[in-house]
């Protein structure tokens, strides 16, 4: 049999999560894959002069004479996958000198393509650096540059470019197409004063407007942490609209001096940059809450959304604090988002001051409960129980003082779940979402509670909602961790490891991500790798114990014991 060497572009693709799909619906999965193989694939390979070399059951290997044709085919294939509701593909493309037989190809060039496919984001195309050099000036592609990858059984690191394409929420990148509902992002208002402390005042005004708009069920409102991520950046409003997937952007500024406020606000149609409405308010500082209400009403009225504000802020308005307490609470809330021991300690200090000044403030009690809960997660085990006890105490007060506050119910749900009361936690989070359908924190935490309570499918659904409404969330590692735990419970260890890895990469000093990764590695049969993760975790986050793992892992008895047994295998005690 003649064997020849040839410089060839190799495309390798497979169905992500194929084993899980077969378990869930074998017949439907088989039919979808068969249609992909017999109908879609031939129709896309032929125009790009490709040659199908291997049908791997849940994947295939195709060769091309041109790297451009290979990448074009890979992109076309991913775009065609929009017609397959249940299937997602990973695609790897490499250019290499390979051995060619009549019906097969061999060599490192093929192996690299297969390894690229394995690390590819579902819905995307991962290409080696040498492929990218061939296509960069010929194809209009936006790609991410990854760190050089040490691929399995490949001697030297390989440069990788990733085209994410239509990557679904499961890849960590939400579908940001415009929702059916009127959609809006409220940016952090710009502080025009010389006093840097007014930053929190400006943010507080914008955040309260977000909360008011969010409670209108027929609005889609991007969460604060995503819209505030553009703070201090000179970004075109069209880019912001595309990045957050919204039709409207509200921006403004605040100048505070001598007890007086000047607030400006303008509503812009993101796609066109058209100014729909603008207004300026000159008031006493004590009138800040009235200004917030006026801006919210103008947004609703002038954007032709034709929605009565009474469905939103007026119906569920939380009792407002005095201005000094309002400032302290906003300062504590913003600081807590850093989610470090130091930041949480500062947030606890600010919110304790607020509670002392105004014990009847629901928001002050809520922020204190939230900060105590997260401090418990990263504290020593011997002090965590007391922090959690306090967290529940202040959360109970927040709900009593603010029965129409979604964040009060959210905070109580966190504390209740840490005490193992998942029934109450689910009920509280459902109430929070009833009050504010756009509350990404409630959707995300409900996903986490569902995962820990043993309902992985519900966990994935709620977590994906949270990711879509808050795509630039600085606490996204929580969402990744939840997805990882859900897939672990489903027995899809490949997906679980991917999400655990994303969680660790997003925030390296959060212990629960390492616990999940260790359990997944052991469940996958790679105890040596799990021990390496354990060693890495101890160097980054310090002491890790089974006691802490028992609090933050799965809580259904069989899975909890399995989870802890996996951790014991790597030496935890």
Protein backbone atom coordinates (compact mmCIF):
# COMPACT_ATOMS: atom_id res chain seq x y z
CA UNK A 1 0.00 0.00 0.00
CA UNK A 2 1.49 3.37 -1.03
CA UNK A 3 2.23 5.82 1.78
CA UNK A 4 3.09 9.45 1.02
CA UNK A 5 3.93 12.55 3.05
CA UNK A 6 1.82 15.61 2.52
CA UNK A 7 1.27 19.01 4.14
CA UNK A 8 -2.38 18.73 5.09
CA UNK A 9 -4.98 20.70 7.04
CA UNK A 10 -6.75 18.37 9.48
CA UNK A 11 -10.13 19.03 11.06
CA UNK A 12 -11.27 16.88 13.99
CA UNK A 13 -14.72 17.33 15.52
CA UNK A 14 -16.85 15.52 18.06
CA UNK A 15 -20.12 15.91 19.93
CA UNK A 16 -19.64 17.47 23.37
CA UNK A 17 -21.13 15.46 26.23
CA UNK A 18 -22.10 12.57 23.93
CA UNK A 19 -22.21 9.95 26.71
CA UNK A 20 -24.51 12.11 28.80
CA UNK A 21 -26.80 12.77 25.84
CA UNK A 22 -27.05 9.05 25.11
CA UNK A 23 -27.98 8.38 28.73
CA UNK A 24 -30.66 11.07 28.69
CA UNK A 25 -32.26 10.20 25.33
CA UNK A 26 -30.50 7.51 23.37
CA UNK A 27 -32.87 7.38 20.39
CA UNK A 28 -33.03 11.15 19.86
CA UNK A 29 -29.27 11.53 20.23
CA UNK A 30 -28.58 8.76 17.74
CA UNK A 31 -31.00 10.24 15.20
CA UNK A 32 -29.48 13.71 15.55
CA UNK A 33 -25.90 12.45 15.16
CA UNK A 34 -26.88 10.27 12.18
CA UNK A 35 -28.50 13.25 10.46
CA UNK A 36 -25.42 15.36 11.16
CA UNK A 37 -23.14 12.67 9.71
CA UNK A 38 -25.25 11.71 6.68
CA UNK A 39 -26.84 15.03 5.68
CA UNK A 40 -25.17 18.13 7.11
CA UNK A 41 -21.53 17.06 7.04
CA UNK A 42 -21.34 15.97 3.35
CA UNK A 43 -23.16 19.14 2.28
CA UNK A 44 -20.50 21.28 4.03
CA UNK A 45 -17.38 19.27 3.20
CA UNK A 46 -17.93 19.20 -0.57
CA UNK A 47 -17.90 22.98 -1.23
CA UNK A 48 -14.63 23.25 0.73
CA UNK A 49 -12.94 20.34 -1.09
CA UNK A 50 -12.69 18.30 2.07
CA UNK A 51 -12.24 14.56 2.37
CA UNK A 52 -13.92 12.56 5.14
CA UNK A 53 -11.24 10.17 6.46
CA UNK A 54 -12.83 8.71 9.59
CA UNK A 55 -16.32 8.48 11.07
CA UNK A 56 -15.73 8.11 14.82
CA UNK A 57 -19.34 7.56 15.84
CA UNK A 58 -19.73 10.80 17.81
CA UNK A 59 -17.14 12.62 15.71
CA UNK A 60 -15.15 12.65 12.49
CA UNK A 61 -11.81 13.52 10.88
CA UNK A 62 -11.65 15.50 7.63
CA UNK A 63 -8.61 16.60 5.61
CA UNK A 64 -8.21 19.63 3.32
CA UNK A 65 -5.51 20.87 0.98
CA UNK A 66 -5.93 24.37 2.36
CA UNK A 67 -5.98 25.70 5.95
CA UNK A 68 -8.42 28.41 4.82
CA UNK A 69 -10.86 25.80 3.52
CA UNK A 70 -10.53 23.78 6.73
CA UNK A 71 -11.33 26.75 8.97
CA UNK A 72 -14.13 27.94 6.68
CA UNK A 73 -15.66 24.47 6.87
CA UNK A 74 -15.28 24.39 10.66
CA UNK A 75 -17.02 27.75 11.03
CA UNK A 76 -19.78 26.74 8.58
CA UNK A 77 -20.27 23.52 10.51
CA UNK A 78 -20.69 25.34 13.82
CA UNK A 79 -23.10 27.80 12.25
CA UNK A 80 -25.13 24.89 10.88
CA UNK A 81 -25.39 23.45 14.41
CA UNK A 82 -28.05 26.06 15.22
CA UNK A 83 -30.44 23.59 13.60
CA UNK A 84 -29.56 20.90 16.16
CA UNK A 85 -31.24 21.72 19.42
CA UNK A 86 -29.49 19.07 21.52
CA UNK A 87 -26.03 18.80 19.91
CA UNK A 88 -22.90 20.91 20.43
CA UNK A 89 -19.63 20.34 18.62
CA UNK A 90 -15.99 20.94 19.46
CA UNK A 91 -13.74 21.49 16.43
CA UNK A 92 -9.93 21.43 16.22
CA UNK A 93 -7.94 22.42 13.12
CA UNK A 94 -4.21 21.90 12.59
CA UNK A 95 -1.81 22.15 9.64
CA UNK A 96 0.90 19.51 9.56
CA UNK A 97 3.10 17.16 7.55
CA UNK A 98 1.33 13.78 7.78
CA UNK A 99 1.58 10.27 6.39
CA UNK A 100 -1.24 9.68 3.93
CA UNK A 101 -2.65 6.28 3.04
CA UNK A 102 -5.58 5.62 0.76
CA UNK A 103 -8.12 5.76 3.58
CA UNK A 104 -6.21 7.15 6.55
CA UNK A 105 -3.72 9.75 7.79
CA UNK A 106 -1.14 9.47 10.59
CA UNK A 107 1.36 11.59 12.46
CA UNK A 108 1.70 14.36 15.02
CA UNK A 109 -0.27 16.72 12.78
CA UNK A 110 -3.35 14.55 13.33
CA UNK A 111 -2.66 14.18 17.05
CA UNK A 112 -2.41 17.94 17.52
CA UNK A 113 -5.75 18.47 15.74
CA UNK A 114 -7.35 15.88 18.05
CA UNK A 115 -5.90 17.56 21.17
CA UNK A 116 -7.09 20.97 19.97
CA UNK A 117 -10.59 19.57 19.59
CA UNK A 118 -10.43 18.24 23.15
CA UNK A 119 -9.67 21.68 24.65
CA UNK A 120 -12.04 23.60 22.37
CA UNK A 121 -15.03 25.47 23.75
CA UNK A 122 -18.27 23.79 22.57
CA UNK A 123 -19.61 25.81 19.64
CA UNK A 124 -16.17 27.09 18.66
CA UNK A 125 -13.15 26.25 16.53
CA UNK A 126 -9.70 25.85 18.11
CA UNK A 127 -6.87 26.27 15.61
CA UNK A 128 -3.11 25.98 15.97
CA UNK A 129 -1.02 29.10 15.55
CA UNK A 130 0.28 27.93 12.17
CA UNK A 131 -3.31 27.60 10.91
CA UNK A 132 -4.15 31.06 12.18
CA UNK A 133 -1.18 32.56 10.32
CA UNK A 134 -2.61 31.12 7.10
CA UNK A 135 -6.14 32.46 7.61
CA UNK A 136 -5.74 35.72 9.58
CA UNK A 137 -5.70 37.99 6.50
CA UNK A 138 -8.14 35.94 4.47
CA UNK A 139 -11.04 35.32 6.88
CA UNK A 140 -12.90 37.86 8.98
CA UNK A 141 -12.73 36.07 12.34
CA UNK A 142 -12.57 37.40 15.89
CA UNK A 143 -10.47 35.00 17.94
CA UNK A 144 -9.08 34.72 21.47
CA UNK A 145 -5.39 34.04 21.95
CA UNK A 146 -4.78 31.30 24.50
CA UNK A 147 -1.58 30.66 26.41
CA UNK A 148 0.63 28.08 24.62
CA UNK A 149 -0.89 24.70 25.50
CA UNK A 150 1.08 21.63 26.58
CA UNK A 151 -1.03 19.07 24.75
CA UNK A 152 -1.08 15.44 25.78
CA UNK A 153 1.68 13.35 24.09
CA UNK A 154 2.94 16.41 22.18
CA UNK A 155 6.54 17.38 23.02
CA UNK A 156 6.37 21.15 22.60
CA UNK A 157 3.70 23.68 23.68
CA UNK A 158 1.31 24.65 20.87
CA UNK A 159 0.03 28.17 20.28
CA UNK A 160 -3.77 28.19 20.10
CA UNK A 161 -6.37 30.63 18.73
CA UNK A 162 -10.03 30.11 19.61
CA UNK A 163 -13.00 31.26 17.53
CA UNK A 164 -15.90 31.08 19.96
CA UNK A 165 -18.57 31.40 17.32
CA UNK A 166 -22.07 30.79 18.60
CA UNK A 167 -20.73 29.34 21.87
CA UNK A 168 -23.74 28.48 24.03
CA UNK A 169 -24.17 29.32 27.69
CA UNK A 170 -22.70 25.92 28.56
CA UNK A 171 -19.34 27.13 27.26
CA UNK A 172 -19.26 30.03 29.71
CA UNK A 173 -20.34 32.60 27.13
CA UNK A 174 -24.06 33.36 27.19
CA UNK A 175 -26.21 33.85 24.13
CA UNK A 176 -26.36 37.66 24.01
CA UNK A 177 -28.93 38.01 21.25
CA UNK A 178 -31.53 40.68 22.04
CA UNK A 179 -34.30 39.42 24.32
CA UNK A 180 -37.94 39.73 23.30
CA UNK A 181 -38.49 42.03 26.28
CA UNK A 182 -37.33 45.66 26.18
CA UNK A 183 -33.72 45.38 27.37
CA UNK A 184 -31.62 47.96 29.17
CA UNK A 185 -28.26 48.38 30.90
CA UNK A 186 -27.77 51.17 33.44
CA UNK A 187 -24.12 52.22 33.58
CA UNK A 188 -22.40 53.47 36.73
CA UNK A 189 -23.02 57.21 36.91
CA UNK A 190 -19.87 59.33 36.55
CA UNK A 191 -18.68 61.21 39.63
CA UNK A 192 -18.07 64.81 38.52
CA UNK A 193 -17.02 65.94 42.01
CA UNK A 194 -13.45 66.26 43.25
CA UNK A 195 -14.31 64.13 46.30
CA UNK A 196 -13.53 60.44 45.55
CA UNK A 197 -16.01 59.35 48.25
CA UNK A 198 -18.78 60.53 45.94
CA UNK A 199 -17.99 57.52 43.70
CA UNK A 200 -20.16 55.37 45.93
CA UNK A 201 -22.86 58.04 45.94
CA UNK A 202 -22.93 58.03 42.12
CA UNK A 203 -22.96 54.23 42.01
CA UNK A 204 -25.73 54.10 44.59
CA UNK A 205 -28.02 56.28 42.49
CA UNK A 206 -27.50 54.07 39.42
CA UNK A 207 -27.92 50.87 41.42
CA UNK A 208 -31.25 51.97 42.87
CA UNK A 209 -32.47 52.79 39.35
CA UNK A 210 -31.42 49.28 38.26
CA UNK A 211 -33.39 47.75 41.13
CA UNK A 212 -36.49 49.78 40.30
CA UNK A 213 -36.39 48.86 36.62
CA UNK A 214 -35.60 45.21 37.38
CA UNK A 215 -38.84 44.76 39.26
CA UNK A 216 -40.84 45.46 36.12
CA UNK A 217 -41.44 41.94 34.87
CA UNK A 218 -41.68 42.91 31.22
CA UNK A 219 -38.19 44.46 31.24
CA UNK A 220 -34.91 42.63 30.75
CA UNK A 221 -32.39 44.52 32.92
CA UNK A 222 -28.71 43.62 33.02
CA UNK A 223 -27.34 43.18 36.53
CA UNK A 224 -25.34 45.90 38.24
CA UNK A 225 -22.00 44.12 38.21
CA UNK A 226 -22.08 43.62 34.44
CA UNK A 227 -23.19 47.12 33.53
CA UNK A 228 -20.77 48.68 36.05
CA UNK A 229 -17.87 46.72 34.54
CA UNK A 230 -17.47 49.51 31.95
CA UNK A 231 -16.80 52.10 34.66
CA UNK A 232 -13.85 54.34 33.81
CA UNK A 233 -13.57 53.00 30.27
CA UNK A 234 -14.04 55.01 27.10
CA UNK A 235 -16.25 52.46 25.33
CA UNK A 236 -18.69 53.28 22.55
CA UNK A 237 -22.31 52.73 23.56
CA UNK A 238 -22.83 50.44 20.57
CA UNK A 239 -20.05 48.17 21.85
CA UNK A 240 -21.66 48.14 25.29
CA UNK A 241 -25.00 47.18 23.78
CA UNK A 242 -23.38 44.31 21.89
CA UNK A 243 -21.31 43.17 24.88
CA UNK A 244 -24.35 43.01 27.16
CA UNK A 245 -27.00 42.13 24.61
CA UNK A 246 -29.33 45.09 25.24
CA UNK A 247 -31.30 47.57 23.13
CA UNK A 248 -31.01 50.60 25.46
CA UNK A 249 -28.23 52.08 27.62
CA UNK A 250 -28.84 54.59 30.40
CA UNK A 251 -25.85 56.70 31.44
CA UNK A 252 -25.47 59.73 33.65
CA UNK A 253 -23.33 61.83 35.98
CA UNK A 254 -23.49 63.21 39.52
CA UNK A 255 -21.97 66.38 40.94
CA UNK A 256 -22.35 66.95 44.69
CA UNK A 257 -21.23 70.17 46.37
CA UNK A 258 -22.41 72.22 49.33
CA UNK A 259 -25.33 69.96 50.12
CA UNK A 260 -26.69 70.22 46.59
CA UNK A 261 -26.87 67.63 43.80
CA UNK A 262 -26.76 67.95 40.04
CA UNK A 263 -27.69 64.71 38.29
CA UNK A 264 -27.82 64.25 34.54
CA UNK A 265 -29.17 61.17 32.78
CA UNK A 266 -29.68 60.14 29.17
CA UNK A 267 -31.25 57.13 27.54
CA UNK A 268 -29.58 55.93 24.31
CA UNK A 269 -30.55 53.37 21.70
CA UNK A 270 -27.40 51.25 21.63
CA UNK A 271 -27.41 50.07 18.01
CA UNK A 272 -27.77 53.55 16.51
CA UNK A 273 -26.42 55.83 19.25
CA UNK A 274 -29.70 57.81 19.03
CA UNK A 275 -30.51 59.83 22.15
CA UNK A 276 -34.08 59.05 23.14
CA UNK A 277 -34.24 61.24 26.21
CA UNK A 278 -32.02 63.39 28.43
CA UNK A 279 -32.68 65.35 31.62
CA UNK A 280 -30.86 67.39 34.26
CA UNK A 281 -31.87 67.58 37.94
CA UNK A 282 -30.69 70.25 40.42
CA UNK A 283 -31.80 69.40 43.95
CA UNK A 284 -30.76 69.24 47.57
CA UNK A 285 -28.77 66.09 48.38
CA UNK A 286 -31.60 64.82 50.57
CA UNK A 287 -33.81 64.63 47.46
CA UNK A 288 -31.70 61.86 45.87
CA UNK A 289 -34.49 59.29 46.21
CA UNK A 290 -36.99 61.52 44.43
CA UNK A 291 -34.47 62.01 41.62
CA UNK A 292 -34.10 58.24 41.27
CA UNK A 293 -37.86 57.84 40.94
CA UNK A 294 -38.11 60.59 38.33
CA UNK A 295 -35.32 59.10 36.21
CA UNK A 296 -36.91 55.66 36.38
CA UNK A 297 -40.32 57.01 35.35
CA UNK A 298 -38.79 58.93 32.45
CA UNK A 299 -36.96 55.83 31.22
CA UNK A 300 -40.21 53.92 31.18
CA UNK A 301 -42.29 56.66 29.59
CA UNK A 302 -39.91 57.99 26.95
CA UNK A 303 -38.53 54.71 25.64
CA UNK A 304 -42.06 53.83 24.42
CA UNK A 305 -42.05 50.67 26.54
CA UNK A 306 -45.58 51.58 27.67
CA UNK A 307 -45.25 49.95 31.07
CA UNK A 308 -46.77 51.31 34.22
CA UNK A 309 -44.09 51.87 36.83
CA UNK A 310 -46.51 50.71 39.50
CA UNK A 311 -45.54 47.15 38.49
CA UNK A 312 -42.01 47.90 39.59
CA UNK A 313 -40.47 50.10 42.23
CA UNK A 314 -43.64 51.61 43.69
CA UNK A 315 -45.30 48.30 44.49
CA UNK A 316 -42.33 46.64 46.10
CA UNK A 317 -40.39 49.64 47.37
CA UNK A 318 -38.20 48.93 50.36
CA UNK A 319 -38.26 51.48 53.18
CA UNK A 320 -35.37 53.85 52.51
CA UNK A 321 -32.68 54.62 55.03
CA UNK A 322 -31.42 58.02 56.05
CA UNK A 323 -28.81 59.40 53.67
CA UNK A 324 -25.75 58.58 55.88
CA UNK A 325 -26.89 54.96 56.25
CA UNK A 326 -27.67 54.75 52.52
CA UNK A 327 -24.08 55.83 51.83
CA UNK A 328 -22.62 53.26 54.25
CA UNK A 329 -24.73 50.44 52.83
CA UNK A 330 -23.72 51.23 49.24
CA UNK A 331 -20.08 51.41 50.31
CA UNK A 332 -20.34 48.02 52.07
CA UNK A 333 -22.19 46.44 49.13
CA UNK A 334 -19.58 47.59 46.59
CA UNK A 335 -16.68 46.52 48.79
CA UNK A 336 -18.13 43.06 49.48
CA UNK A 337 -18.11 42.29 45.75
CA UNK A 338 -14.32 41.94 45.85
CA UNK A 339 -14.88 38.68 47.77
CA UNK A 340 -11.56 38.61 49.59
CA UNK A 341 -11.03 38.24 53.34
CA UNK A 342 -9.90 41.87 53.60
CA UNK A 343 -12.74 43.28 51.49
CA UNK A 344 -15.38 41.24 53.32
CA UNK A 345 -13.97 42.33 56.69
CA UNK A 346 -14.27 45.96 55.55
CA UNK A 347 -17.82 45.37 54.27
CA UNK A 348 -18.76 43.82 57.61
CA UNK A 349 -17.36 46.86 59.40
CA UNK A 350 -19.31 49.32 57.21
CA UNK A 351 -22.56 47.38 57.45
CA UNK A 352 -22.24 46.97 61.24
CA UNK A 353 -21.91 50.76 61.45
CA UNK A 354 -25.04 51.12 59.32
CA UNK A 355 -26.99 48.68 61.51
CA UNK A 356 -25.90 50.52 64.64
CA UNK A 357 -27.00 53.85 63.17
CA UNK A 358 -30.29 52.49 61.86
CA UNK A 359 -31.21 49.03 63.26
CA UNK A 360 -34.46 49.07 61.27
CA UNK A 361 -32.72 49.25 57.88
CA UNK A 362 -33.50 46.07 55.95
CA UNK A 363 -30.67 46.70 53.46
CA UNK A 364 -28.06 47.24 56.17
CA UNK A 365 -29.02 43.95 57.83
CA UNK A 366 -29.03 42.21 54.43
CA UNK A 367 -25.55 43.39 53.42
CA UNK A 368 -24.19 42.41 56.83
CA UNK A 369 -25.75 38.92 56.53
CA UNK A 370 -24.34 38.51 53.00
CA UNK A 371 -20.83 39.60 54.01
CA UNK A 372 -20.78 37.31 57.06
CA UNK A 373 -21.91 34.34 54.94
CA UNK A 374 -19.10 34.75 52.41
CA UNK A 375 -16.52 35.43 55.10
CA UNK A 376 -17.48 32.09 56.63
CA UNK A 377 -16.73 30.34 53.33
CA UNK A 378 -13.09 31.47 53.33
CA UNK A 379 -12.42 31.57 57.07
CA UNK A 380 -10.94 28.95 59.37
CA UNK A 381 -13.41 26.13 60.13
CA UNK A 382 -13.37 26.95 63.85
CA UNK A 383 -14.83 30.42 63.22
CA UNK A 384 -17.11 29.63 60.29
CA UNK A 385 -19.98 28.29 62.40
CA UNK A 386 -20.23 31.51 64.43
CA UNK A 387 -20.15 33.64 61.27
CA UNK A 388 -22.93 31.53 59.75
CA UNK A 389 -25.00 31.81 62.93
CA UNK A 390 -24.69 35.59 62.78
CA UNK A 391 -25.44 35.62 59.07
CA UNK A 392 -28.74 33.83 59.59
CA UNK A 393 -29.65 36.13 62.48
CA UNK A 394 -29.18 39.31 60.43
CA UNK A 395 -30.87 37.78 57.39
CA UNK A 396 -33.92 36.96 59.49
CA UNK A 397 -34.03 40.59 60.59
CA UNK A 398 -33.67 41.78 56.99
CA UNK A 399 -36.70 39.75 55.87
CA UNK A 400 -38.77 40.93 58.83
CA UNK A 401 -37.86 44.57 58.14
CA UNK A 402 -38.07 44.31 54.34
CA UNK A 403 -40.80 41.79 53.43
CA UNK A 404 -40.77 43.07 49.83
CA UNK A 405 -36.99 43.09 49.42
CA UNK A 406 -35.68 40.43 47.05
CA UNK A 407 -32.18 40.80 48.47
CA UNK A 408 -33.38 40.13 52.01
CA UNK A 409 -34.86 36.80 50.91
CA UNK A 410 -31.72 36.08 48.91
CA UNK A 411 -29.48 36.67 51.94
CA UNK A 412 -31.67 34.46 54.14
CA UNK A 413 -31.56 31.72 51.51
CA UNK A 414 -27.75 31.76 51.53
CA UNK A 415 -27.61 31.44 55.30
CA UNK A 416 -30.36 28.79 55.37
CA UNK A 417 -28.60 26.68 52.74
CA UNK A 418 -25.37 26.78 54.77
CA UNK A 419 -27.39 25.32 57.66
CA UNK A 420 -28.78 22.60 55.38
CA UNK A 421 -32.32 24.01 55.16
CA UNK A 422 -32.76 23.73 51.39
CA UNK A 423 -36.56 23.77 51.46
CA UNK A 424 -36.54 27.21 53.03
CA UNK A 425 -33.70 28.40 50.81
CA UNK A 426 -35.56 27.40 47.63
CA UNK A 427 -38.76 29.03 48.88
CA UNK A 428 -36.93 32.27 49.72
CA UNK A 429 -35.18 32.41 46.35
CA UNK A 430 -38.41 31.77 44.47
CA UNK A 431 -39.96 34.64 46.45
CA UNK A 432 -36.99 36.87 45.54
CA UNK A 433 -37.49 36.09 41.84
CA UNK A 434 -41.22 36.74 42.17
CA UNK A 435 -40.43 40.20 43.53
CA UNK A 436 -37.67 40.87 40.99
CA UNK A 437 -37.69 38.61 37.90
CA UNK A 438 -34.36 40.13 36.82
CA UNK A 439 -32.49 39.37 40.05
CA UNK A 440 -29.46 37.50 38.69
CA UNK A 441 -28.16 36.79 42.19
CA UNK A 442 -31.39 34.99 43.11
CA UNK A 443 -31.37 32.94 39.89
CA UNK A 444 -27.70 32.06 40.39
CA UNK A 445 -28.08 31.12 44.05
CA UNK A 446 -31.18 29.08 43.25
CA UNK A 447 -29.07 27.15 40.75
CA UNK A 448 -26.48 26.53 43.46
CA UNK A 449 -29.07 25.40 45.99
CA UNK A 450 -30.68 23.07 43.44
CA UNK A 451 -27.27 21.53 42.70
CA UNK A 452 -26.42 20.97 46.35
CA UNK A 453 -29.91 19.61 47.02
CA UNK A 454 -29.57 17.06 44.20
CA UNK A 455 -31.48 18.62 41.27
CA UNK A 456 -28.72 19.13 38.68
CA UNK A 457 -30.96 19.80 35.64
CA UNK A 458 -32.78 22.61 37.48
CA UNK A 459 -29.41 23.89 38.67
CA UNK A 460 -28.12 24.21 35.10
CA UNK A 461 -31.30 25.96 33.93
CA UNK A 462 -31.26 28.60 36.69
CA UNK A 463 -27.52 29.15 36.45
CA UNK A 464 -27.75 29.81 32.72
CA UNK A 465 -30.45 32.43 33.35
CA UNK A 466 -28.16 34.13 35.84
CA UNK A 467 -25.22 34.11 33.42
CA UNK A 468 -27.32 35.67 30.64
CA UNK A 469 -28.59 38.48 32.83
CA UNK A 470 -25.15 39.15 34.33
CA UNK A 471 -22.58 38.14 31.69
CA UNK A 472 -19.72 40.16 33.23
CA UNK A 473 -20.36 39.16 36.83
CA UNK A 474 -17.13 39.41 38.90
CA UNK A 475 -18.40 36.48 40.96
CA UNK A 476 -18.89 34.33 37.84
CA UNK A 477 -16.74 31.63 39.43
CA UNK A 478 -19.79 30.78 41.60
CA UNK A 479 -21.79 30.05 38.45
CA UNK A 480 -18.98 27.97 36.96
CA UNK A 481 -18.68 26.03 40.23
CA UNK A 482 -22.42 25.36 40.25
CA UNK A 483 -22.36 24.04 36.70
CA UNK A 484 -19.37 21.87 37.58
CA UNK A 485 -21.18 20.41 40.60
CA UNK A 486 -24.34 19.81 38.53
CA UNK A 487 -22.43 17.90 35.85
CA UNK A 488 -20.54 15.98 38.55
CA UNK A 489 -23.90 14.82 39.95
CA UNK A 490 -25.00 13.84 36.42
CA UNK A 491 -21.87 11.73 36.03
CA UNK A 492 -20.53 13.87 33.18
CA UNK A 493 -17.04 14.24 34.65
CA UNK A 494 -15.59 15.77 31.47
CA UNK A 495 -17.97 18.73 31.65
CA UNK A 496 -17.62 18.90 35.44
CA UNK A 497 -13.84 19.20 35.13
CA UNK A 498 -14.17 21.90 32.48
CA UNK A 499 -16.37 24.04 34.74
CA UNK A 500 -14.23 23.42 37.83
CA UNK A 501 -11.20 24.49 35.82
CA UNK A 502 -12.98 27.65 34.66
CA UNK A 503 -13.94 28.43 38.25
CA UNK A 504 -10.36 28.08 39.50
CA UNK A 505 -9.00 30.12 36.59
CA UNK A 506 -11.51 32.90 37.32
CA UNK A 507 -10.67 33.13 41.03
CA UNK A 508 -7.71 31.13 42.29
CA UNK A 509 -8.20 31.83 46.00
CA UNK A 510 -11.71 30.37 46.46
CA UNK A 511 -11.57 26.95 48.18
CA UNK A 512 -14.78 25.29 46.97
CA UNK A 513 -13.55 25.23 43.35
CA UNK A 514 -10.53 23.15 44.35
CA UNK A 515 -12.69 20.76 46.39
CA UNK A 516 -14.86 20.15 43.34
CA UNK A 517 -11.88 19.64 41.04
CA UNK A 518 -10.32 17.10 43.43
CA UNK A 519 -13.56 15.12 43.68
CA UNK A 520 -13.99 15.15 39.90
CA UNK A 521 -10.40 14.00 39.29
CA UNK A 522 -10.82 11.08 41.71
CA UNK A 523 -14.19 10.14 40.18
CA UNK A 524 -12.50 10.16 36.76
CA UNK A 525 -9.86 7.73 38.01
CA UNK A 526 -6.96 10.20 38.13
CA UNK A 527 -6.00 10.31 41.82
CA UNK A 528 -2.47 11.53 41.11
CA UNK A 529 -3.86 14.62 39.37
CA UNK A 530 -6.27 15.12 42.29
CA UNK A 531 -3.34 15.12 44.73
CA UNK A 532 -1.60 17.73 42.60
CA UNK A 533 -4.72 19.91 42.81
CA UNK A 534 -4.76 19.40 46.60
CA UNK A 535 -1.14 20.53 46.88
CA UNK A 536 -1.85 23.56 44.69
CA UNK A 537 -4.94 24.43 46.75
CA UNK A 538 -3.05 24.32 50.04
CA UNK A 539 -0.42 26.68 48.67
CA UNK A 540 -3.08 29.15 47.48
CA UNK A 541 -5.93 29.03 50.01
CA UNK A 542 -4.29 27.39 53.03
CA UNK A 543 -5.97 24.90 55.32
CA UNK A 544 -8.73 22.79 53.76
CA UNK A 545 -10.71 20.27 55.79
CA UNK A 546 -13.48 17.74 55.30
CA UNK A 547 -15.55 19.76 57.76
CA UNK A 548 -15.60 22.72 55.39
CA UNK A 549 -16.14 20.47 52.38
CA UNK A 550 -19.17 18.93 54.06
CA UNK A 551 -20.78 22.39 54.36
CA UNK A 552 -20.22 23.53 50.78
CA UNK A 553 -20.47 20.28 48.82
CA UNK A 554 -23.53 18.25 47.72
CA UNK A 555 -25.95 17.53 50.56
CA UNK A 556 -27.98 14.53 49.38
CA UNK A 557 -26.64 11.71 51.60
CA UNK A 558 -25.30 9.29 48.97
CA UNK A 559 -23.61 11.97 46.87
CA UNK A 560 -22.32 13.78 49.96
CA UNK A 561 -20.59 10.64 51.20
CA UNK A 562 -19.23 9.90 47.74
CA UNK A 563 -17.92 13.47 47.47
CA UNK A 564 -16.21 13.30 50.87
CA UNK A 565 -14.84 9.81 50.17
CA UNK A 566 -13.22 11.13 47.00
CA UNK A 567 -11.56 13.88 49.03
CA UNK A 568 -10.32 11.41 51.62
CA UNK A 569 -8.59 9.53 48.80
CA UNK A 570 -6.28 12.51 48.25
CA UNK A 571 -5.40 12.87 51.93
CA UNK A 572 -7.96 15.35 53.27
CA UNK A 573 -9.11 14.84 56.83
